[in-house]
Amino acid sequence: MRTVLSILSSILHIIESILSQEELPDFYEENLPNITAILQFIIGEADFPHFQKVPIELVKCRQKAVRLVHIYQFKFNEFFQSYTALFFEKIWGMVCKNQVSSTKLNEKLIQAVIRYLSEMAAFPDLGEFYKQNMMSLFTILIVPNISITDDDIEEYETEPETYVKNDLEESDTETRRR
């Protein structure tokens, strides 16, 4: 299963690089229902209970899927409008199910989810939802990700020089705490 997820992650990476172009290629417009079905599975339904912990390959697939949804939503909105509510619900569901817990493993996924949700806040029809769920958003997503995690403490205790060096080196990049 890890191999399949790794291959899927590579495919999503290729799709993301192609969608970064100025125009939506015809193939990606014509196959949007198939692509969205795969993205829905990865974001919403892909739970593998036989794994003791979530494999890194699944986290990478989810991160790439959220980034693809973001590209479709904000760059090619005219093609993606009918999927907006569905994917917002799926990504919000990931947050509520704690599938984006604050760990180093999930850092890029958290970054993608926060970016997507923050840009979706500009949609007028979601304004009421954000007002009603502001406390949940902060308690589930924001506060845990700006706090120091057990991984941070462990890294600091085992290798303090490396922790400080990494923190300084990453000071100009987007991380979950920044």
C-alpha atoms as a PDB file:
ATOM      1  CA  MET A   1       0.000   0.000   0.000  1.00  0.00           C
ATOM      2  CA  ARG A   2       2.892   2.339   0.770  1.00  0.00           C
ATOM      3  CA  THR A   3       4.221   1.835  -2.765  1.00  0.00           C
ATOM      4  CA  VAL A   4       0.849   2.650  -4.305  1.00  0.00           C
ATOM      5  CA  LEU A   5       0.585   5.796  -2.168  1.00  0.00           C
ATOM      6  CA  SER A   6       4.105   6.811  -3.161  1.00  0.00           C
ATOM      7  CA  ILE A   7       3.272   6.406  -6.857  1.00  0.00           C
ATOM      8  CA  LEU A   8       0.028   8.336  -6.373  1.00  0.00           C
ATOM      9  CA  SER A   9       1.963  11.106  -4.651  1.00  0.00           C
ATOM     10  CA  SER A  10       4.301  11.327  -7.648  1.00  0.00           C
ATOM     11  CA  ILE A  11       1.340  11.483 -10.041  1.00  0.00           C
ATOM     12  CA  LEU A  12      -0.263  14.267  -7.995  1.00  0.00           C
ATOM     13  CA  HIS A  13       3.053  16.142  -8.056  1.00  0.00           C
ATOM     14  CA  ILE A  14       3.128  15.928 -11.863  1.00  0.00           C
ATOM     15  CA  ILE A  15      -0.474  17.129 -12.105  1.00  0.00           C
ATOM     16  CA  GLU A  16       0.316  20.016  -9.761  1.00  0.00           C
ATOM     17  CA  SER A  17       3.278  21.107 -11.871  1.00  0.00           C
ATOM     18  CA  ILE A  18       1.150  20.990 -15.039  1.00  0.00           C
ATOM     19  CA  LEU A  19      -1.687  22.948 -13.402  1.00  0.00           C
ATOM     20  CA  SER A  20       0.786  25.664 -12.472  1.00  0.00           C
ATOM     21  CA  GLN A  21       0.649  26.769 -16.102  1.00  0.00           C
ATOM     22  CA  GLU A  22      -1.388  29.746 -17.206  1.00  0.00           C
ATOM     23  CA  GLU A  23      -4.215  27.785 -18.869  1.00  0.00           C
ATOM     24  CA  LEU A  24      -5.980  24.632 -17.836  1.00  0.00           C
ATOM     25  CA  PRO A  25      -4.982  21.938 -20.354  1.00  0.00           C
ATOM     26  CA  ASP A  26      -7.968  20.286 -22.055  1.00  0.00           C
ATOM     27  CA  PHE A  27      -7.126  16.874 -20.620  1.00  0.00           C
ATOM     28  CA  TYR A  28      -7.447  18.183 -17.049  1.00  0.00           C
ATOM     29  CA  GLU A  29     -10.688  19.947 -17.843  1.00  0.00           C
ATOM     30  CA  GLU A  30     -12.226  16.893 -19.551  1.00  0.00           C
ATOM     31  CA  ASN A  31     -11.111  14.521 -16.781  1.00  0.00           C
ATOM     32  CA  LEU A  32     -12.006  16.785 -13.871  1.00  0.00           C
ATOM     33  CA  PRO A  33     -14.707  14.384 -12.546  1.00  0.00           C
ATOM     34  CA  ASN A  34     -12.144  11.545 -12.417  1.00  0.00           C
ATOM     35  CA  ILE A  35      -9.475  13.728 -10.853  1.00  0.00           C
ATOM     36  CA  THR A  36     -11.880  15.044  -8.224  1.00  0.00           C
ATOM     37  CA  ALA A  37     -13.005  11.498  -7.392  1.00  0.00           C
ATOM     38  CA  ILE A  38      -9.400  10.553  -6.649  1.00  0.00           C
ATOM     39  CA  LEU A  39      -8.844  13.735  -4.640  1.00  0.00           C
ATOM     40  CA  GLN A  40     -12.033  13.060  -2.637  1.00  0.00           C
ATOM     41  CA  PHE A  41     -10.809   9.577  -1.812  1.00  0.00           C
ATOM     42  CA  ILE A  42      -7.397  10.802  -0.683  1.00  0.00           C
ATOM     43  CA  ILE A  43      -8.724  13.705   1.372  1.00  0.00           C
ATOM     44  CA  GLY A  44     -11.861  12.201   2.823  1.00  0.00           C
ATOM     45  CA  GLU A  45     -12.097   8.467   2.660  1.00  0.00           C
ATOM     46  CA  ALA A  46      -8.528   7.175   2.615  1.00  0.00           C
ATOM     47  CA  ASP A  47      -8.190   5.847   6.147  1.00  0.00           C
ATOM     48  CA  PHE A  48      -6.220   2.681   6.502  1.00  0.00           C
ATOM     49  CA  PRO A  49      -6.983   1.193   9.924  1.00  0.00           C
ATOM     50  CA  HIS A  50      -4.532  -1.677   9.479  1.00  0.00           C
ATOM     51  CA  PHE A  51      -1.621   0.783   9.753  1.00  0.00           C
ATOM     52  CA  GLN A  52      -0.646   1.412  13.366  1.00  0.00           C
ATOM     53  CA  LYS A  53       0.265   4.977  12.499  1.00  0.00           C
ATOM     54  CA  VAL A  54      -0.485   7.083   9.448  1.00  0.00           C
ATOM     55  CA  PRO A  55       2.155   6.396   6.789  1.00  0.00           C
ATOM     56  CA  ILE A  56       4.171   9.346   5.526  1.00  0.00           C
ATOM     57  CA  GLU A  57       3.112   8.457   1.985  1.00  0.00           C
ATOM     58  CA  LEU A  58      -0.552   9.081   2.859  1.00  0.00           C
ATOM     59  CA  VAL A  59       0.318  12.403   4.491  1.00  0.00           C
ATOM     60  CA  LYS A  60       2.209  13.451   1.342  1.00  0.00           C
ATOM     61  CA  CYS A  61      -0.731  12.406  -0.856  1.00  0.00           C
ATOM     62  CA  ARG A  62      -3.142  14.408   1.282  1.00  0.00           C
ATOM     63  CA  GLN A  63      -0.884  17.439   1.201  1.00  0.00           C
ATOM     64  CA  LYS A  64      -0.605  17.287  -2.576  1.00  0.00           C
ATOM     65  CA  ALA A  65      -4.358  16.705  -2.909  1.00  0.00           C
ATOM     66  CA  VAL A  66      -5.147  19.796  -0.818  1.00  0.00           C
ATOM     67  CA  ARG A  67      -2.708  21.816  -2.911  1.00  0.00           C
ATOM     68  CA  LEU A  68      -4.387  20.586  -6.114  1.00  0.00           C
ATOM     69  CA  VAL A  69      -7.808  21.518  -4.762  1.00  0.00           C
ATOM     70  CA  HIS A  70      -6.378  24.931  -3.918  1.00  0.00           C
ATOM     71  CA  ILE A  71      -5.043  25.388  -7.459  1.00  0.00           C
ATOM     72  CA  TYR A  72      -8.303  24.295  -9.047  1.00  0.00           C
ATOM     73  CA  GLN A  73     -10.326  26.446  -6.640  1.00  0.00           C
ATOM     74  CA  PHE A  74      -8.421  29.676  -7.013  1.00  0.00           C
ATOM     75  CA  LYS A  75      -6.804  29.453 -10.426  1.00  0.00           C
ATOM     76  CA  PHE A  76      -9.446  27.566 -12.413  1.00  0.00           C
ATOM     77  CA  ASN A  77     -12.568  28.436 -10.417  1.00  0.00           C
ATOM     78  CA  GLU A  78     -14.858  28.482 -13.453  1.00  0.00           C
ATOM     79  CA  PHE A  79     -14.283  24.743 -13.913  1.00  0.00           C
ATOM     80  CA  PHE A  80     -14.289  23.883 -10.207  1.00  0.00           C
ATOM     81  CA  GLN A  81     -17.317  25.795  -8.865  1.00  0.00           C
ATOM     82  CA  SER A  82     -19.531  22.723  -8.604  1.00  0.00           C
ATOM     83  CA  TYR A  83     -16.926  21.032  -6.375  1.00  0.00           C
ATOM     84  CA  THR A  84     -16.265  23.959  -4.018  1.00  0.00           C
ATOM     85  CA  ALA A  85     -18.676  22.981  -1.237  1.00  0.00           C
ATOM     86  CA  LEU A  86     -17.742  19.299  -1.414  1.00  0.00           C
ATOM     87  CA  PHE A  87     -14.017  19.898  -1.042  1.00  0.00           C
ATOM     88  CA  PHE A  88     -14.448  22.531   1.618  1.00  0.00           C
ATOM     89  CA  GLU A  89     -16.460  19.980   3.600  1.00  0.00           C
ATOM     90  CA  LYS A  90     -13.839  17.252   3.023  1.00  0.00           C
ATOM     91  CA  ILE A  91     -10.910  19.451   4.059  1.00  0.00           C
ATOM     92  CA  TRP A  92     -12.789  20.792   7.073  1.00  0.00           C
ATOM     93  CA  GLY A  93     -13.590  17.148   7.918  1.00  0.00           C
ATOM     94  CA  MET A  94      -9.856  16.348   7.915  1.00  0.00           C
ATOM     95  CA  VAL A  95      -9.362  19.094  10.468  1.00  0.00           C
ATOM     96  CA  CYS A  96     -12.258  17.917  12.652  1.00  0.00           C
ATOM     97  CA  LYS A  97     -11.076  14.276  12.525  1.00  0.00           C
ATOM     98  CA  ASN A  98      -7.645  15.451  13.683  1.00  0.00           C
ATOM     99  CA  GLN A  99      -5.974  14.151  10.523  1.00  0.00           C
ATOM    100  CA  VAL A 100      -3.798  17.246  10.494  1.00  0.00           C
ATOM    101  CA  SER A 101      -2.329  16.945  13.972  1.00  0.00           C
ATOM    102  CA  SER A 102       0.578  19.195  14.838  1.00  0.00           C
ATOM    103  CA  THR A 103       3.631  17.071  14.135  1.00  0.00           C
ATOM    104  CA  LYS A 104       6.699  17.510  11.960  1.00  0.00           C
ATOM    105  CA  LEU A 105       5.310  14.777   9.698  1.00  0.00           C
ATOM    106  CA  ASN A 106       2.185  16.845   8.986  1.00  0.00           C
ATOM    107  CA  GLU A 107       3.907  20.219   8.628  1.00  0.00           C
ATOM    108  CA  LYS A 108       3.398  20.631   4.860  1.00  0.00           C
ATOM    109  CA  LEU A 109      -0.138  19.232   5.063  1.00  0.00           C
ATOM    110  CA  ILE A 110      -0.974  21.722   7.828  1.00  0.00           C
ATOM    111  CA  GLN A 111       0.496  24.539   5.770  1.00  0.00           C
ATOM    112  CA  ALA A 112      -1.619  23.532   2.740  1.00  0.00           C
ATOM    113  CA  VAL A 113      -4.811  23.210   4.814  1.00  0.00           C
ATOM    114  CA  ILE A 114      -4.326  26.550   6.569  1.00  0.00           C
ATOM    115  CA  ARG A 115      -3.609  28.296   3.272  1.00  0.00           C
ATOM    116  CA  TYR A 116      -6.709  26.769   1.676  1.00  0.00           C
ATOM    117  CA  LEU A 117      -9.003  27.550   4.621  1.00  0.00           C
ATOM    118  CA  SER A 118      -7.688  31.088   5.003  1.00  0.00           C
ATOM    119  CA  GLU A 119      -8.315  31.876   1.335  1.00  0.00           C
ATOM    120  CA  MET A 120     -11.749  30.235   1.479  1.00  0.00           C
ATOM    121  CA  ALA A 121     -12.658  32.684   4.270  1.00  0.00           C
ATOM    122  CA  ALA A 122     -12.970  35.349   1.561  1.00  0.00           C
ATOM    123  CA  PHE A 123     -15.970  33.529   0.059  1.00  0.00           C
ATOM    124  CA  PRO A 124     -19.110  35.409   1.160  1.00  0.00           C
ATOM    125  CA  ASP A 125     -21.242  32.267   1.423  1.00  0.00           C
ATOM    126  CA  LEU A 126     -18.798  30.781   3.966  1.00  0.00           C
ATOM    127  CA  GLY A 127     -18.746  33.844   6.214  1.00  0.00           C
ATOM    128  CA  GLU A 128     -21.432  32.516   8.538  1.00  0.00           C
ATOM    129  CA  PHE A 129     -19.713  29.120   8.752  1.00  0.00           C
ATOM    130  CA  TYR A 130     -16.452  30.757   9.828  1.00  0.00           C
ATOM    131  CA  LYS A 131     -18.263  32.902  12.405  1.00  0.00           C
ATOM    132  CA  GLN A 132     -19.913  29.832  13.922  1.00  0.00           C
ATOM    133  CA  ASN A 133     -16.762  27.706  13.856  1.00  0.00           C
ATOM    134  CA  MET A 134     -14.096  30.253  14.784  1.00  0.00           C
ATOM    135  CA  MET A 135     -13.511  28.701  18.205  1.00  0.00           C
ATOM    136  CA  SER A 136     -13.201  25.221  16.699  1.00  0.00           C
ATOM    137  CA  LEU A 137     -10.799  26.528  14.085  1.00  0.00           C
ATOM    138  CA  PHE A 138      -8.567  27.988  16.767  1.00  0.00           C
ATOM    139  CA  THR A 139      -8.728  25.082  19.210  1.00  0.00           C
ATOM    140  CA  ILE A 140      -8.330  22.328  16.623  1.00  0.00           C
ATOM    141  CA  LEU A 141      -5.984  23.883  14.071  1.00  0.00           C
ATOM    142  CA  ILE A 142      -4.384  27.180  15.041  1.00  0.00           C
ATOM    143  CA  VAL A 143      -3.397  26.884  18.722  1.00  0.00           C
ATOM    144  CA  PRO A 144      -1.910  23.363  18.474  1.00  0.00           C
ATOM    145  CA  ASN A 145       0.178  24.439  15.497  1.00  0.00           C
ATOM    146  CA  ILE A 146       1.641  27.575  17.037  1.00  0.00           C
ATOM    147  CA  SER A 147       2.467  25.758  20.259  1.00  0.00           C
ATOM    148  CA  ILE A 148       5.653  23.839  20.857  1.00  0.00           C
ATOM    149  CA  THR A 149       4.979  20.161  20.198  1.00  0.00           C
ATOM    150  CA  ASP A 150       6.401  17.040  21.807  1.00  0.00           C
ATOM    151  CA  ASP A 151       8.497  16.570  18.660  1.00  0.00           C
ATOM    152  CA  ASP A 152       9.968  20.048  19.124  1.00  0.00           C
ATOM    153  CA  ILE A 153      10.790  19.381  22.772  1.00  0.00           C
ATOM    154  CA  GLU A 154      12.326  16.004  21.969  1.00  0.00           C
ATOM    155  CA  GLU A 155      14.439  17.480  19.164  1.00  0.00           C
ATOM    156  CA  TYR A 156      15.565  20.318  21.428  1.00  0.00           C
ATOM    157  CA  GLU A 157      16.474  17.945  24.273  1.00  0.00           C
ATOM    158  CA  THR A 158      18.379  15.473  22.094  1.00  0.00           C
ATOM    159  CA  GLU A 159      20.129  17.925  19.768  1.00  0.00           C
ATOM    160  CA  PRO A 160      19.709  21.546  20.878  1.00  0.00           C
ATOM    161  CA  GLU A 161      22.241  22.902  18.367  1.00  0.00           C
ATOM    162  CA  THR A 162      20.429  21.225  15.475  1.00  0.00           C
ATOM    163  CA  TYR A 163      17.062  22.484  16.717  1.00  0.00           C
ATOM    164  CA  VAL A 164      18.266  26.090  16.903  1.00  0.00           C
ATOM    165  CA  LYS A 165      20.078  25.785  13.561  1.00  0.00           C
ATOM    166  CA  ASN A 166      16.941  24.403  11.841  1.00  0.00           C
ATOM    167  CA  ASP A 167      14.785  27.077  13.428  1.00  0.00           C
ATOM    168  CA  LEU A 168      17.104  29.825  12.194  1.00  0.00           C
ATOM    169  CA  GLU A 169      17.539  28.305   8.728  1.00  0.00           C
ATOM    170  CA  GLU A 170      13.791  27.952   8.251  1.00  0.00           C
ATOM    171  CA  SER A 171      13.065  31.459   9.487  1.00  0.00           C
ATOM    172  CA  ASP A 172      12.415  32.731   5.972  1.00  0.00           C
ATOM    173  CA  THR A 173      10.175  29.857   4.885  1.00  0.00           C
ATOM    174  CA  GLU A 174       6.599  29.051   5.679  1.00  0.00           C
ATOM    175  CA  THR A 175       6.292  26.536   8.463  1.00  0.00           C
ATOM    176  CA  ARG A 176       3.255  25.489  10.452  1.00  0.00           C
ATOM    177  CA  ARG A 177       4.114  27.849  13.342  1.00  0.00           C
ATOM    178  CA  ARG A 178       4.932  30.827  11.121  1.00  0.00           C
END
